[in-house]
């Protein structure tokens, strides 16, 4: 049996204060998808999409303003004990 650490991937931003990844909520994820998707140059719907949002870090509990273009793919390693208990529960 392999003892590789399990990682969880999600879309998020890096906290401006502590640098830890913070998961973005669904509404911001939809804005990100609309921002990345194809659109016309004069598309009024695209022009009205807000490109900034406020997010609170769960690690340091500080709040900051982020831009849509600051969203990145993040990986959060899970502790080995939690991954082992998760596998046992699945059996």
PDB file of N, CA and C in Angstrom:
ATOM      1  N   UNK A   1       0.834  -1.167   0.000  1.00  0.00           N
ATOM      2  CA  UNK A   1       0.000   0.000   0.000  1.00  0.00           C
ATOM      3  C   UNK A   1       0.886   1.239   0.000  1.00  0.00           C
ATOM      4  N   UNK A   2       0.558   2.204  -0.806  1.00  0.00           N
ATOM      5  CA  UNK A   2       1.343   3.419  -0.966  1.00  0.00           C
ATOM      6  C   UNK A   2       0.943   4.446   0.092  1.00  0.00           C
ATOM      7  N   UNK A   3       1.907   5.231   0.532  1.00  0.00           N
ATOM      8  CA  UNK A   3       1.647   6.262   1.535  1.00  0.00           C
ATOM      9  C   UNK A   3       1.788   7.643   0.923  1.00  0.00           C
ATOM     10  N   UNK A   4       1.263   7.837  -0.283  1.00  0.00           N
ATOM     11  CA  UNK A   4       1.340   9.120  -0.956  1.00  0.00           C
ATOM     12  C   UNK A   4       0.321  10.071  -0.343  1.00  0.00           C
ATOM     13  N   UNK A   5       0.701  11.340  -0.132  1.00  0.00           N
ATOM     14  CA  UNK A   5      -0.257  12.302   0.397  1.00  0.00           C
ATOM     15  C   UNK A   5      -1.318  12.634  -0.654  1.00  0.00           C
ATOM     16  N   UNK A   6      -2.552  12.754  -0.219  1.00  0.00           N
ATOM     17  CA  UNK A   6      -3.663  13.064  -1.105  1.00  0.00           C
ATOM     18  C   UNK A   6      -3.795  14.578  -1.165  1.00  0.00           C
ATOM     19  N   UNK A   7      -3.941  15.128  -2.367  1.00  0.00           N
ATOM     20  CA  UNK A   7      -4.101  16.572  -2.490  1.00  0.00           C
ATOM     21  C   UNK A   7      -5.493  16.889  -3.010  1.00  0.00           C
ATOM     22  N   UNK A   8      -6.007  18.006  -2.573  1.00  0.00           N
ATOM     23  CA  UNK A   8      -7.316  18.479  -2.997  1.00  0.00           C
ATOM     24  C   UNK A   8      -7.086  19.721  -3.857  1.00  0.00           C
ATOM     25  N   UNK A   9      -7.646  19.747  -5.064  1.00  0.00           N
ATOM     26  CA  UNK A   9      -7.476  20.873  -5.967  1.00  0.00           C
ATOM     27  C   UNK A   9      -8.751  21.708  -5.976  1.00  0.00           C
ATOM     28  N   UNK A  10      -8.579  23.022  -5.991  1.00  0.00           N
ATOM     29  CA  UNK A  10      -9.710  23.931  -6.040  1.00  0.00           C
ATOM     30  C   UNK A  10      -9.265  25.259  -6.625  1.00  0.00           C
ATOM     31  N   UNK A  11     -10.235  26.077  -7.028  1.00  0.00           N
ATOM     32  CA  UNK A  11      -9.948  27.424  -7.514  1.00  0.00           C
ATOM     33  C   UNK A  11      -9.982  28.358  -6.318  1.00  0.00           C
ATOM     34  N   UNK A  12      -9.011  29.237  -6.234  1.00  0.00           N
ATOM     35  CA  UNK A  12      -8.950  30.163  -5.119  1.00  0.00           C
ATOM     36  C   UNK A  12      -7.956  31.282  -5.367  1.00  0.00           C
ATOM     37  N   UNK A  13      -7.743  32.065  -4.344  1.00  0.00           N
ATOM     38  CA  UNK A  13      -6.762  33.151  -4.377  1.00  0.00           C
ATOM     39  C   UNK A  13      -5.798  32.948  -3.216  1.00  0.00           C
ATOM     40  N   UNK A  14      -4.640  33.565  -3.315  1.00  0.00           N
ATOM     41  CA  UNK A  14      -3.687  33.530  -2.213  1.00  0.00           C
ATOM     42  C   UNK A  14      -3.938  34.743  -1.333  1.00  0.00           C
ATOM     43  N   UNK A  15      -4.084  34.519  -0.038  1.00  0.00           N
ATOM     44  CA  UNK A  15      -4.373  35.587   0.918  1.00  0.00           C
ATOM     45  C   UNK A  15      -3.279  36.649   0.851  1.00  0.00           C
ATOM     46  N   UNK A  16      -3.677  37.901   0.814  1.00  0.00           N
ATOM     47  CA  UNK A  16      -2.721  39.013   0.766  1.00  0.00           C
ATOM     48  C   UNK A  16      -1.937  39.138   2.070  1.00  0.00           C
ATOM     49  N   UNK A  17      -2.490  38.631   3.158  1.00  0.00           N
ATOM     50  CA  UNK A  17      -1.876  38.817   4.461  1.00  0.00           C
ATOM     51  C   UNK A  17      -0.995  37.648   4.888  1.00  0.00           C
ATOM     52  N   UNK A  18      -1.510  36.424   4.768  1.00  0.00           N
ATOM     53  CA  UNK A  18      -0.748  35.259   5.238  1.00  0.00           C
ATOM     54  C   UNK A  18      -0.235  34.375   4.103  1.00  0.00           C
ATOM     55  N   UNK A  19      -0.736  34.571   2.880  1.00  0.00           N
ATOM     56  CA  UNK A  19      -0.257  33.817   1.728  1.00  0.00           C
ATOM     57  C   UNK A  19      -0.863  32.441   1.540  1.00  0.00           C
ATOM     58  N   UNK A  20      -1.784  32.040   2.404  1.00  0.00           N
ATOM     59  CA  UNK A  20      -2.407  30.719   2.276  1.00  0.00           C
ATOM     60  C   UNK A  20      -3.531  30.769   1.254  1.00  0.00           C
ATOM     61  N   UNK A  21      -3.798  29.639   0.579  1.00  0.00           N
ATOM     62  CA  UNK A  21      -4.880  29.626  -0.413  1.00  0.00           C
ATOM     63  C   UNK A  21      -6.247  29.713   0.254  1.00  0.00           C
ATOM     64  N   UNK A  22      -7.135  30.477  -0.381  1.00  0.00           N
ATOM     65  CA  UNK A  22      -8.506  30.664   0.109  1.00  0.00           C
ATOM     66  C   UNK A  22      -9.450  30.271  -1.015  1.00  0.00           C
ATOM     67  N   UNK A  23     -10.353  29.345  -0.747  1.00  0.00           N
ATOM     68  CA  UNK A  23     -11.328  28.873  -1.742  1.00  0.00           C
ATOM     69  C   UNK A  23     -12.302  29.999  -2.064  1.00  0.00           C
ATOM     70  N   UNK A  24     -12.640  30.128  -3.352  1.00  0.00           N
ATOM     71  CA  UNK A  24     -13.613  31.148  -3.750  1.00  0.00           C
ATOM     72  C   UNK A  24     -15.016  30.547  -3.725  1.00  0.00           C
ATOM     73  N   UNK A  25     -16.026  31.350  -3.381  1.00  0.00           N
ATOM     74  CA  UNK A  25     -17.402  30.841  -3.369  1.00  0.00           C
ATOM     75  C   UNK A  25     -17.932  30.638  -4.785  1.00  0.00           C
ATOM     76  N   UNK A  26     -19.047  29.960  -4.904  1.00  0.00           N
ATOM     77  CA  UNK A  26     -19.640  29.623  -6.193  1.00  0.00           C
ATOM     78  C   UNK A  26     -19.972  30.823  -7.052  1.00  0.00           C
ATOM     79  N   UNK A  27     -20.475  31.890  -6.451  1.00  0.00           N
ATOM     80  CA  UNK A  27     -20.851  33.070  -7.235  1.00  0.00           C
ATOM     81  C   UNK A  27     -19.620  33.694  -7.895  1.00  0.00           C
ATOM     82  N   UNK A  28     -18.498  33.681  -7.197  1.00  0.00           N
ATOM     83  CA  UNK A  28     -17.254  34.216  -7.772  1.00  0.00           C
ATOM     84  C   UNK A  28     -16.730  33.264  -8.839  1.00  0.00           C
ATOM     85  N   UNK A  29     -16.915  31.973  -8.629  1.00  0.00           N
ATOM     86  CA  UNK A  29     -16.504  30.982  -9.621  1.00  0.00           C
ATOM     87  C   UNK A  29     -17.265  31.180 -10.930  1.00  0.00           C
ATOM     88  N   UNK A  30     -18.546  31.494 -10.845  1.00  0.00           N
ATOM     89  CA  UNK A  30     -19.336  31.752 -12.051  1.00  0.00           C
ATOM     90  C   UNK A  30     -18.863  33.026 -12.753  1.00  0.00           C
ATOM     91  N   UNK A  31     -18.495  34.048 -11.983  1.00  0.00           N
ATOM     92  CA  UNK A  31     -17.949  35.275 -12.576  1.00  0.00           C
ATOM     93  C   UNK A  31     -16.621  34.981 -13.268  1.00  0.00           C
ATOM     94  N   UNK A  32     -15.807  34.129 -12.656  1.00  0.00           N
ATOM     95  CA  UNK A  32     -14.528  33.742 -13.245  1.00  0.00           C
ATOM     96  C   UNK A  32     -14.759  33.033 -14.573  1.00  0.00           C
ATOM     97  N   UNK A  33     -15.734  32.136 -14.619  1.00  0.00           N
ATOM     98  CA  UNK A  33     -16.049  31.420 -15.855  1.00  0.00           C
ATOM     99  C   UNK A  33     -16.534  32.386 -16.937  1.00  0.00           C
ATOM    100  N   UNK A  34     -17.346  33.359 -16.544  1.00  0.00           N
ATOM    101  CA  UNK A  34     -17.834  34.351 -17.508  1.00  0.00           C
ATOM    102  C   UNK A  34     -16.687  35.230 -17.994  1.00  0.00           C
ATOM    103  N   UNK A  35     -15.754  35.535 -17.135  1.00  0.00           N
ATOM    104  CA  UNK A  35     -14.614  36.379 -17.486  1.00  0.00           C
ATOM    105  C   UNK A  35     -13.682  35.668 -18.460  1.00  0.00           C
ATOM    106  N   UNK A  36     -13.456  34.369 -18.234  1.00  0.00           N
ATOM    107  CA  UNK A  36     -12.550  33.587 -19.067  1.00  0.00           C
ATOM    108  C   UNK A  36     -13.196  33.201 -20.398  1.00  0.00           C
ATOM    109  N   UNK A  37     -14.512  33.049 -20.401  1.00  0.00           N
ATOM    110  CA  UNK A  37     -15.217  32.599 -21.604  1.00  0.00           C
ATOM    111  C   UNK A  37     -15.122  33.590 -22.751  1.00  0.00           C
ATOM    112  N   UNK A  38     -15.574  33.142 -23.926  1.00  0.00           N
ATOM    113  CA  UNK A  38     -15.546  33.992 -25.112  1.00  0.00           C
ATOM    114  C   UNK A  38     -16.643  35.045 -25.026  1.00  0.00           C
ATOM    115  N   UNK A  39     -16.314  36.251 -25.471  1.00  0.00           N
ATOM    116  CA  UNK A  39     -17.278  37.338 -25.455  1.00  0.00           C
ATOM    117  C   UNK A  39     -16.933  38.344 -26.551  1.00  0.00           C
ATOM    118  N   UNK A  40     -17.928  39.091 -26.965  1.00  0.00           N
ATOM    119  CA  UNK A  40     -17.749  40.144 -27.963  1.00  0.00           C
ATOM    120  C   UNK A  40     -17.084  41.350 -27.304  1.00  0.00           C
ATOM    121  N   UNK A  41     -16.429  42.164 -28.115  1.00  0.00           N
ATOM    122  CA  UNK A  41     -15.746  43.348 -27.580  1.00  0.00           C
ATOM    123  C   UNK A  41     -16.727  44.341 -26.973  1.00  0.00           C
ATOM    124  N   UNK A  42     -17.910  44.485 -27.566  1.00  0.00           N
ATOM    125  CA  UNK A  42     -18.915  45.438 -27.087  1.00  0.00           C
ATOM    126  C   UNK A  42     -20.042  44.746 -26.322  1.00  0.00           C
ATOM    127  N   UNK A  43     -19.825  43.568 -25.807  1.00  0.00           N
ATOM    128  CA  UNK A  43     -20.843  42.805 -25.098  1.00  0.00           C
ATOM    129  C   UNK A  43     -21.163  43.496 -23.774  1.00  0.00           C
ATOM    130  N   UNK A  44     -22.376  44.068 -23.681  1.00  0.00           N
ATOM    131  CA  UNK A  44     -22.735  44.821 -22.474  1.00  0.00           C
ATOM    132  C   UNK A  44     -22.848  43.912 -21.249  1.00  0.00           C
ATOM    133  N   UNK A  45     -23.267  42.670 -21.437  1.00  0.00           N
ATOM    134  CA  UNK A  45     -23.366  41.729 -20.318  1.00  0.00           C
ATOM    135  C   UNK A  45     -21.983  41.483 -19.717  1.00  0.00           C
ATOM    136  N   UNK A  46     -20.962  41.307 -20.570  1.00  0.00           N
ATOM    137  CA  UNK A  46     -19.600  41.103 -20.088  1.00  0.00           C
ATOM    138  C   UNK A  46     -19.070  42.361 -19.413  1.00  0.00           C
ATOM    139  N   UNK A  47     -19.379  43.522 -19.957  1.00  0.00           N
ATOM    140  CA  UNK A  47     -18.872  44.769 -19.392  1.00  0.00           C
ATOM    141  C   UNK A  47     -19.450  45.044 -18.006  1.00  0.00           C
ATOM    142  N   UNK A  48     -20.635  44.489 -17.718  1.00  0.00           N
ATOM    143  CA  UNK A  48     -21.281  44.731 -16.431  1.00  0.00           C
ATOM    144  C   UNK A  48     -20.856  43.744 -15.345  1.00  0.00           C
ATOM    145  N   UNK A  49     -20.092  42.712 -15.699  1.00  0.00           N
ATOM    146  CA  UNK A  49     -19.637  41.739 -14.713  1.00  0.00           C
ATOM    147  C   UNK A  49     -18.562  42.385 -13.850  1.00  0.00           C
ATOM    148  N   UNK A  50     -18.786  42.382 -12.548  1.00  0.00           N
ATOM    149  CA  UNK A  50     -17.805  42.946 -11.627  1.00  0.00           C
ATOM    150  C   UNK A  50     -16.536  42.107 -11.658  1.00  0.00           C
ATOM    151  N   UNK A  51     -15.403  42.751 -11.716  1.00  0.00           N
ATOM    152  CA  UNK A  51     -14.127  42.039 -11.799  1.00  0.00           C
ATOM    153  C   UNK A  51     -13.389  42.019 -10.468  1.00  0.00           C
ATOM    154  N   UNK A  52     -14.035  42.472  -9.401  1.00  0.00           N
ATOM    155  CA  UNK A  52     -13.428  42.450  -8.069  1.00  0.00           C
ATOM    156  C   UNK A  52     -14.407  41.827  -7.077  1.00  0.00           C
ATOM    157  N   UNK A  53     -13.873  41.280  -5.987  1.00  0.00           N
ATOM    158  CA  UNK A  53     -14.707  40.701  -4.938  1.00  0.00           C
ATOM    159  C   UNK A  53     -13.947  40.762  -3.620  1.00  0.00           C
ATOM    160  N   UNK A  54     -14.679  40.697  -2.537  1.00  0.00           N
ATOM    161  CA  UNK A  54     -14.107  40.717  -1.194  1.00  0.00           C
ATOM    162  C   UNK A  54     -14.165  39.299  -0.644  1.00  0.00           C
ATOM    163  N   UNK A  55     -13.063  38.880  -0.001  1.00  0.00           N
ATOM    164  CA  UNK A  55     -12.995  37.525   0.527  1.00  0.00           C
ATOM    165  C   UNK A  55     -12.255  37.534   1.849  1.00  0.00           C
ATOM    166  N   UNK A  56     -12.755  36.748   2.809  1.00  0.00           N
ATOM    167  CA  UNK A  56     -12.118  36.628   4.118  1.00  0.00           C
ATOM    168  C   UNK A  56     -11.344  35.314   4.186  1.00  0.00           C
ATOM    169  N   UNK A  57     -10.088  35.402   4.625  1.00  0.00           N
ATOM    170  CA  UNK A  57      -9.240  34.224   4.785  1.00  0.00           C
ATOM    171  C   UNK A  57      -9.673  33.475   6.040  1.00  0.00           C
ATOM    172  N   UNK A  58      -9.804  32.171   5.940  1.00  0.00           N
ATOM    173  CA  UNK A  58     -10.199  31.369   7.102  1.00  0.00           C
ATOM    174  C   UNK A  58      -9.029  31.101   8.039  1.00  0.00           C
ATOM    175  N   UNK A  59      -7.807  31.295   7.553  1.00  0.00           N
ATOM    176  CA  UNK A  59      -6.634  31.053   8.392  1.00  0.00           C
ATOM    177  C   UNK A  59      -6.334  32.240   9.297  1.00  0.00           C
ATOM    178  N   UNK A  60      -6.243  33.433   8.709  1.00  0.00           N
ATOM    179  CA  UNK A  60      -5.874  34.613   9.506  1.00  0.00           C
ATOM    180  C   UNK A  60      -7.069  35.511   9.826  1.00  0.00           C
ATOM    181  N   UNK A  61      -8.254  35.177   9.272  1.00  0.00           N
ATOM    182  CA  UNK A  61      -9.504  35.911   9.527  1.00  0.00           C
ATOM    183  C   UNK A  61      -9.459  37.370   9.073  1.00  0.00           C
ATOM    184  N   UNK A  62      -8.579  37.692   8.116  1.00  0.00           N
ATOM    185  CA  UNK A  62      -8.516  39.051   7.588  1.00  0.00           C
ATOM    186  C   UNK A  62      -9.188  39.074   6.227  1.00  0.00           C
ATOM    187  N   UNK A  63      -9.768  40.216   5.906  1.00  0.00           N
ATOM    188  CA  UNK A  63     -10.537  40.383   4.684  1.00  0.00           C
ATOM    189  C   UNK A  63      -9.766  41.281   3.724  1.00  0.00           C
ATOM    190  N   UNK A  64      -9.906  41.015   2.423  1.00  0.00           N
ATOM    191  CA  UNK A  64      -9.231  41.834   1.430  1.00  0.00           C
ATOM    192  C   UNK A  64     -10.002  41.806   0.121  1.00  0.00           C
ATOM    193  N   UNK A  65      -9.660  42.734  -0.768  1.00  0.00           N
ATOM    194  CA  UNK A  65     -10.277  42.824  -2.085  1.00  0.00           C
ATOM    195  C   UNK A  65      -9.355  42.133  -3.092  1.00  0.00           C
ATOM    196  N   UNK A  66      -9.949  41.310  -3.950  1.00  0.00           N
ATOM    197  CA  UNK A  66      -9.207  40.572  -4.966  1.00  0.00           C
ATOM    198  C   UNK A  66      -9.835  40.827  -6.329  1.00  0.00           C
ATOM    199  N   UNK A  67      -9.047  40.673  -7.379  1.00  0.00           N
ATOM    200  CA  UNK A  67      -9.528  40.806  -8.752  1.00  0.00           C
ATOM    201  C   UNK A  67      -9.739  39.413  -9.340  1.00  0.00           C
ATOM    202  N   UNK A  68     -10.633  39.319 -10.320  1.00  0.00           N
ATOM    203  CA  UNK A  68     -10.928  38.047 -10.972  1.00  0.00           C
ATOM    204  C   UNK A  68      -9.662  37.422 -11.547  1.00  0.00           C
ATOM    205  N   UNK A  69      -8.750  38.243 -12.064  1.00  0.00           N
ATOM    206  CA  UNK A  69      -7.546  37.691 -12.686  1.00  0.00           C
ATOM    207  C   UNK A  69      -6.526  37.178 -11.670  1.00  0.00           C
ATOM    208  N   UNK A  70      -6.810  37.291 -10.374  1.00  0.00           N
ATOM    209  CA  UNK A  70      -5.934  36.748  -9.337  1.00  0.00           C
ATOM    210  C   UNK A  70      -6.326  35.330  -8.924  1.00  0.00           C
ATOM    211  N   UNK A  71      -7.394  34.799  -9.504  1.00  0.00           N
ATOM    212  CA  UNK A  71      -7.842  33.447  -9.173  1.00  0.00           C
ATOM    213  C   UNK A  71      -6.913  32.441  -9.835  1.00  0.00           C
ATOM    214  N   UNK A  72      -6.457  31.474  -9.049  1.00  0.00           N
ATOM    215  CA  UNK A  72      -5.525  30.455  -9.538  1.00  0.00           C
ATOM    216  C   UNK A  72      -6.006  29.076  -9.101  1.00  0.00           C
ATOM    217  N   UNK A  73      -5.408  28.030  -9.686  1.00  0.00           N
ATOM    218  CA  UNK A  73      -5.650  26.668  -9.233  1.00  0.00           C
ATOM    219  C   UNK A  73      -4.779  26.419  -8.011  1.00  0.00           C
ATOM    220  N   UNK A  74      -5.384  25.976  -6.928  1.00  0.00           N
ATOM    221  CA  UNK A  74      -4.658  25.737  -5.680  1.00  0.00           C
ATOM    222  C   UNK A  74      -4.703  24.259  -5.332  1.00  0.00           C
ATOM    223  N   UNK A  75      -3.688  23.803  -4.628  1.00  0.00           N
ATOM    224  CA  UNK A  75      -3.638  22.421  -4.143  1.00  0.00           C
ATOM    225  C   UNK A  75      -3.431  22.467  -2.643  1.00  0.00           C
ATOM    226  N   UNK A  76      -4.269  21.750  -1.922  1.00  0.00           N
ATOM    227  CA  UNK A  76      -4.200  21.715  -0.472  1.00  0.00           C
ATOM    228  C   UNK A  76      -3.949  20.283  -0.041  1.00  0.00           C
ATOM    229  N   UNK A  77      -2.734  19.962   0.444  1.00  0.00           N
ATOM    230  CA  UNK A  77      -2.464  18.580   0.860  1.00  0.00           C
ATOM    231  C   UNK A  77      -3.265  18.230   2.110  1.00  0.00           C
ATOM    232  N   UNK A  78      -3.836  17.021   2.107  1.00  0.00           N
ATOM    233  CA  UNK A  78      -4.587  16.550   3.266  1.00  0.00           C
ATOM    234  C   UNK A  78      -3.661  15.746   4.166  1.00  0.00           C
ATOM    235  N   UNK A  79      -3.873  15.796   5.468  1.00  0.00           N
ATOM    236  CA  UNK A  79      -3.065  14.971   6.372  1.00  0.00           C
ATOM    237  C   UNK A  79      -3.268  13.489   6.080  1.00  0.00           C
ATOM    238  N   UNK A  80      -2.233  12.708   6.298  1.00  0.00           N
ATOM    239  CA  UNK A  80      -2.282  11.269   5.995  1.00  0.00           C
ATOM    240  C   UNK A  80      -3.349  10.559   6.823  1.00  0.00           C
ATOM    241  N   UNK A  81      -3.506  10.917   8.087  1.00  0.00           N
ATOM    242  CA  UNK A  81      -4.474  10.241   8.953  1.00  0.00           C
ATOM    243  C   UNK A  81      -5.897  10.459   8.441  1.00  0.00           C
ATOM    244  N   UNK A  82      -6.196  11.666   7.986  1.00  0.00           N
ATOM    245  CA  UNK A  82      -7.530  11.958   7.473  1.00  0.00           C
ATOM    246  C   UNK A  82      -7.783  11.180   6.192  1.00  0.00           C
ATOM    247  N   UNK A  83      -6.785  11.069   5.339  1.00  0.00           N
ATOM    248  CA  UNK A  83      -6.940  10.311   4.099  1.00  0.00           C
ATOM    249  C   UNK A  83      -7.147   8.822   4.400  1.00  0.00           C
ATOM    250  N   UNK A  84      -6.435   8.276   5.400  1.00  0.00           N
ATOM    251  CA  UNK A  84      -6.586   6.873   5.747  1.00  0.00           C
ATOM    252  C   UNK A  84      -7.981   6.603   6.316  1.00  0.00           C
ATOM    253  N   UNK A  85      -8.481   7.494   7.165  1.00  0.00           N
ATOM    254  CA  UNK A  85      -9.810   7.298   7.736  1.00  0.00           C
ATOM    255  C   UNK A  85     -10.884   7.438   6.663  1.00  0.00           C
ATOM    256  N   UNK A  86     -10.641   8.289   5.680  1.00  0.00           N
ATOM    257  CA  UNK A  86     -11.589   8.462   4.581  1.00  0.00           C
ATOM    258  C   UNK A  86     -11.676   7.186   3.747  1.00  0.00           C
ATOM    259  N   UNK A  87     -10.529   6.545   3.490  1.00  0.00           N
ATOM    260  CA  UNK A  87     -10.515   5.291   2.737  1.00  0.00           C
ATOM    261  C   UNK A  87     -11.222   4.186   3.512  1.00  0.00           C
ATOM    262  N   UNK A  88     -11.022   4.121   4.834  1.00  0.00           N
ATOM    263  CA  UNK A  88     -11.671   3.098   5.651  1.00  0.00           C
ATOM    264  C   UNK A  88     -13.180   3.285   5.650  1.00  0.00           C
ATOM    265  N   UNK A  89     -13.631   4.554   5.668  1.00  0.00           N
ATOM    266  CA  UNK A  89     -15.061   4.834   5.668  1.00  0.00           C
ATOM    267  C   UNK A  89     -15.688   4.447   4.333  1.00  0.00           C
ATOM    268  N   UNK A  90     -14.899   4.536   3.254  1.00  0.00           N
ATOM    269  CA  UNK A  90     -15.429   4.192   1.937  1.00  0.00           C
ATOM    270  C   UNK A  90     -15.618   2.687   1.769  1.00  0.00           C
ATOM    271  N   UNK A  91     -14.887   1.889   2.528  1.00  0.00           N
ATOM    272  CA  UNK A  91     -14.998   0.438   2.436  1.00  0.00           C
ATOM    273  C   UNK A  91     -16.219  -0.014   3.131  1.00  0.00           C
TER     274      UNK A  91
END
